[in-house]
Amino acid sequence: PRHECGNHKSCPSNHFAFRLISGAANVVGPSICFNDQILMSNVRNNIGRGLNIALVNGTTGQLLRTGAFDMYSG
């Protein structure tokens, strides 16, 4: 069976499913999946070098904001 965000098992009904995938240099980009929706990825062109963060409303699951903090250049 298919589970949200490609996880190995389903989450309880009152929880959100999520999956974070770290990038590998400049070969594989990071991605963030939340509640079976890709919030950040190479395809959406909204990731950057460093820490990629998605701010999500904890009650509704609505995406509020995304951003990247470049830890290399300061």
N, C-alpha and C. Protein backbone atom coordinates (compact mmCIF):
# COMPACT_ATOMS: atom_id res chain seq x y z
N PRO A 1 0.83 -1.21 0.00
CA PRO A 1 0.00 0.00 0.00
C PRO A 1 0.86 1.27 0.00
N ARG A 2 0.32 2.33 -0.54
CA ARG A 2 1.03 3.61 -0.57
C ARG A 2 0.68 4.43 0.67
N HIS A 3 1.71 5.00 1.30
CA HIS A 3 1.49 5.84 2.48
C HIS A 3 1.90 7.28 2.15
N GLU A 4 1.36 8.24 2.88
CA GLU A 4 1.65 9.65 2.63
C GLU A 4 3.15 9.93 2.69
N CYS A 5 3.61 10.75 1.78
CA CYS A 5 5.01 11.18 1.67
C CYS A 5 5.97 10.02 1.44
N GLY A 6 5.46 8.88 1.02
CA GLY A 6 6.33 7.74 0.75
C GLY A 6 6.88 7.07 2.00
N ASN A 7 6.25 7.29 3.15
CA ASN A 7 6.71 6.68 4.40
C ASN A 7 6.42 5.18 4.38
N HIS A 8 7.08 4.44 5.27
CA HIS A 8 6.94 2.99 5.32
C HIS A 8 5.65 2.54 6.00
N LYS A 9 5.05 3.40 6.81
CA LYS A 9 3.78 3.06 7.44
C LYS A 9 2.94 4.31 7.60
N SER A 10 1.66 4.14 7.82
CA SER A 10 0.74 5.27 7.96
C SER A 10 0.84 5.90 9.33
N CYS A 11 0.53 7.19 9.38
CA CYS A 11 0.48 7.91 10.65
C CYS A 11 -0.92 7.77 11.24
N PRO A 12 -1.04 7.94 12.57
CA PRO A 12 -2.37 7.95 13.18
C PRO A 12 -3.22 9.07 12.58
N SER A 13 -4.52 8.95 12.66
CA SER A 13 -5.43 9.90 12.01
C SER A 13 -5.30 11.33 12.51
N ASN A 14 -4.83 11.54 13.73
CA ASN A 14 -4.72 12.90 14.26
C ASN A 14 -3.29 13.44 14.18
N HIS A 15 -2.48 12.90 13.28
CA HIS A 15 -1.09 13.34 13.09
C HIS A 15 -0.86 13.70 11.62
N PHE A 16 0.16 14.53 11.38
CA PHE A 16 0.57 14.87 10.02
C PHE A 16 1.73 13.97 9.61
N ALA A 17 1.72 13.52 8.38
CA ALA A 17 2.85 12.76 7.83
C ALA A 17 3.85 13.75 7.26
N PHE A 18 5.15 13.47 7.45
CA PHE A 18 6.17 14.31 6.85
C PHE A 18 7.39 13.47 6.52
N ARG A 19 8.20 14.00 5.61
CA ARG A 19 9.45 13.34 5.25
C ARG A 19 10.43 14.41 4.81
N LEU A 20 11.62 14.36 5.40
CA LEU A 20 12.69 15.29 5.06
C LEU A 20 13.80 14.50 4.38
N ILE A 21 14.26 14.98 3.25
CA ILE A 21 15.36 14.33 2.54
C ILE A 21 16.48 15.34 2.39
N SER A 22 17.64 14.98 2.93
CA SER A 22 18.80 15.84 2.86
C SER A 22 19.43 15.74 1.48
N GLY A 23 20.02 16.81 1.04
CA GLY A 23 20.69 16.81 -0.25
C GLY A 23 22.07 16.19 -0.16
N ALA A 24 22.67 15.92 -1.30
CA ALA A 24 24.02 15.37 -1.39
C ALA A 24 24.83 16.26 -2.31
N ALA A 25 25.60 17.18 -1.72
CA ALA A 25 26.40 18.15 -2.46
C ALA A 25 25.49 18.89 -3.45
N ASN A 26 25.90 18.99 -4.70
CA ASN A 26 25.03 19.63 -5.69
C ASN A 26 24.45 18.60 -6.66
N VAL A 27 24.51 17.32 -6.26
CA VAL A 27 24.01 16.24 -7.11
C VAL A 27 22.53 15.97 -6.85
N VAL A 28 22.17 15.80 -5.58
CA VAL A 28 20.79 15.52 -5.19
C VAL A 28 20.34 16.62 -4.26
N GLY A 29 19.28 17.31 -4.62
CA GLY A 29 18.79 18.41 -3.80
C GLY A 29 17.91 17.91 -2.67
N PRO A 30 17.75 18.72 -1.63
CA PRO A 30 16.89 18.35 -0.51
C PRO A 30 15.42 18.48 -0.90
N SER A 31 14.56 17.84 -0.12
CA SER A 31 13.13 18.02 -0.33
C SER A 31 12.41 17.86 1.00
N ILE A 32 11.28 18.54 1.10
CA ILE A 32 10.43 18.47 2.28
C ILE A 32 9.03 18.13 1.82
N CYS A 33 8.50 17.01 2.34
CA CYS A 33 7.13 16.60 2.07
C CYS A 33 6.35 16.69 3.37
N PHE A 34 5.16 17.28 3.32
CA PHE A 34 4.33 17.42 4.50
C PHE A 34 2.89 17.15 4.12
N ASN A 35 2.28 16.20 4.79
CA ASN A 35 0.87 15.86 4.54
C ASN A 35 0.63 15.51 3.07
N ASP A 36 1.58 14.77 2.50
CA ASP A 36 1.55 14.27 1.12
C ASP A 36 1.64 15.37 0.07
N GLN A 37 2.22 16.51 0.42
CA GLN A 37 2.46 17.58 -0.54
C GLN A 37 3.93 17.97 -0.45
N ILE A 38 4.60 18.08 -1.60
CA ILE A 38 5.99 18.51 -1.64
C ILE A 38 6.01 20.02 -1.41
N LEU A 39 6.63 20.43 -0.29
CA LEU A 39 6.70 21.86 0.03
C LEU A 39 7.94 22.51 -0.57
N MET A 40 9.05 21.78 -0.57
CA MET A 40 10.31 22.32 -1.09
C MET A 40 11.02 21.22 -1.87
N SER A 41 11.56 21.58 -3.05
CA SER A 41 12.32 20.62 -3.86
C SER A 41 12.98 21.35 -5.02
N ASN A 42 13.84 20.61 -5.75
CA ASN A 42 14.44 21.17 -6.96
C ASN A 42 13.38 21.50 -7.99
N VAL A 43 12.38 20.65 -8.10
CA VAL A 43 11.32 20.84 -9.10
C VAL A 43 10.55 22.13 -8.83
N ARG A 44 10.27 22.41 -7.57
CA ARG A 44 9.55 23.65 -7.21
C ARG A 44 10.46 24.87 -7.25
N ASN A 45 11.77 24.63 -7.37
CA ASN A 45 12.77 25.70 -7.46
C ASN A 45 12.71 26.65 -6.26
N ASN A 46 12.54 26.08 -5.06
CA ASN A 46 12.50 26.93 -3.87
C ASN A 46 13.43 26.42 -2.76
N ILE A 47 14.54 25.80 -3.16
CA ILE A 47 15.53 25.37 -2.18
C ILE A 47 16.80 26.16 -2.40
N GLY A 48 17.64 26.17 -1.40
CA GLY A 48 18.90 26.88 -1.51
C GLY A 48 20.00 26.14 -0.77
N ARG A 49 21.20 26.66 -0.89
CA ARG A 49 22.34 26.08 -0.19
C ARG A 49 22.20 26.38 1.29
N GLY A 50 22.47 25.39 2.13
CA GLY A 50 22.40 25.57 3.57
C GLY A 50 21.18 24.91 4.17
N LEU A 51 20.58 25.57 5.16
CA LEU A 51 19.40 25.03 5.84
C LEU A 51 18.13 25.49 5.13
N ASN A 52 17.32 24.53 4.72
CA ASN A 52 16.04 24.83 4.08
C ASN A 52 14.94 24.58 5.10
N ILE A 53 14.07 25.56 5.26
CA ILE A 53 13.05 25.51 6.31
C ILE A 53 11.68 25.82 5.73
N ALA A 54 10.68 25.05 6.17
CA ALA A 54 9.30 25.31 5.80
C ALA A 54 8.52 25.57 7.09
N LEU A 55 7.84 26.68 7.17
CA LEU A 55 7.02 27.04 8.32
C LEU A 55 5.58 26.61 8.02
N VAL A 56 5.04 25.73 8.86
CA VAL A 56 3.72 25.16 8.64
C VAL A 56 2.86 25.40 9.88
N ASN A 57 1.59 25.76 9.67
CA ASN A 57 0.66 25.91 10.77
C ASN A 57 0.43 24.53 11.40
N GLY A 58 0.72 24.38 12.68
CA GLY A 58 0.63 23.10 13.36
C GLY A 58 -0.79 22.59 13.56
N THR A 59 -1.78 23.44 13.43
CA THR A 59 -3.17 23.03 13.59
C THR A 59 -3.81 22.63 12.26
N THR A 60 -3.59 23.45 11.24
CA THR A 60 -4.24 23.22 9.94
C THR A 60 -3.35 22.50 8.94
N GLY A 61 -2.04 22.57 9.11
CA GLY A 61 -1.11 21.98 8.15
C GLY A 61 -0.84 22.88 6.96
N GLN A 62 -1.32 24.11 6.99
CA GLN A 62 -1.14 25.04 5.88
C GLN A 62 0.30 25.56 5.85
N LEU A 63 0.91 25.57 4.66
CA LEU A 63 2.24 26.13 4.48
C LEU A 63 2.17 27.65 4.62
N LEU A 64 2.99 28.21 5.51
CA LEU A 64 2.99 29.65 5.73
C LEU A 64 4.14 30.33 5.01
N ARG A 65 5.33 29.69 5.03
CA ARG A 65 6.50 30.34 4.44
C ARG A 65 7.62 29.33 4.25
N THR A 66 8.45 29.54 3.25
CA THR A 66 9.65 28.73 3.07
C THR A 66 10.85 29.67 3.01
N GLY A 67 12.01 29.12 3.32
CA GLY A 67 13.22 29.92 3.27
C GLY A 67 14.46 29.05 3.35
N ALA A 68 15.58 29.64 2.98
CA ALA A 68 16.87 28.95 3.05
C ALA A 68 17.88 29.87 3.72
N PHE A 69 18.67 29.30 4.60
CA PHE A 69 19.72 30.05 5.30
C PHE A 69 21.07 29.51 4.85
N ASP A 70 21.84 30.33 4.14
CA ASP A 70 23.13 29.93 3.59
C ASP A 70 24.16 29.96 4.71
N MET A 71 24.49 28.79 5.23
CA MET A 71 25.44 28.69 6.34
C MET A 71 26.89 28.76 5.87
N TYR A 72 27.12 28.61 4.57
CA TYR A 72 28.48 28.63 4.04
C TYR A 72 29.02 30.05 3.90
N SER A 73 28.22 30.93 3.33
CA SER A 73 28.70 32.28 3.08
C SER A 73 28.50 33.21 4.29
N GLY A 74 27.78 32.70 5.31
CA GLY A 74 27.56 33.53 6.49
C GLY A 74 26.28 34.24 6.37
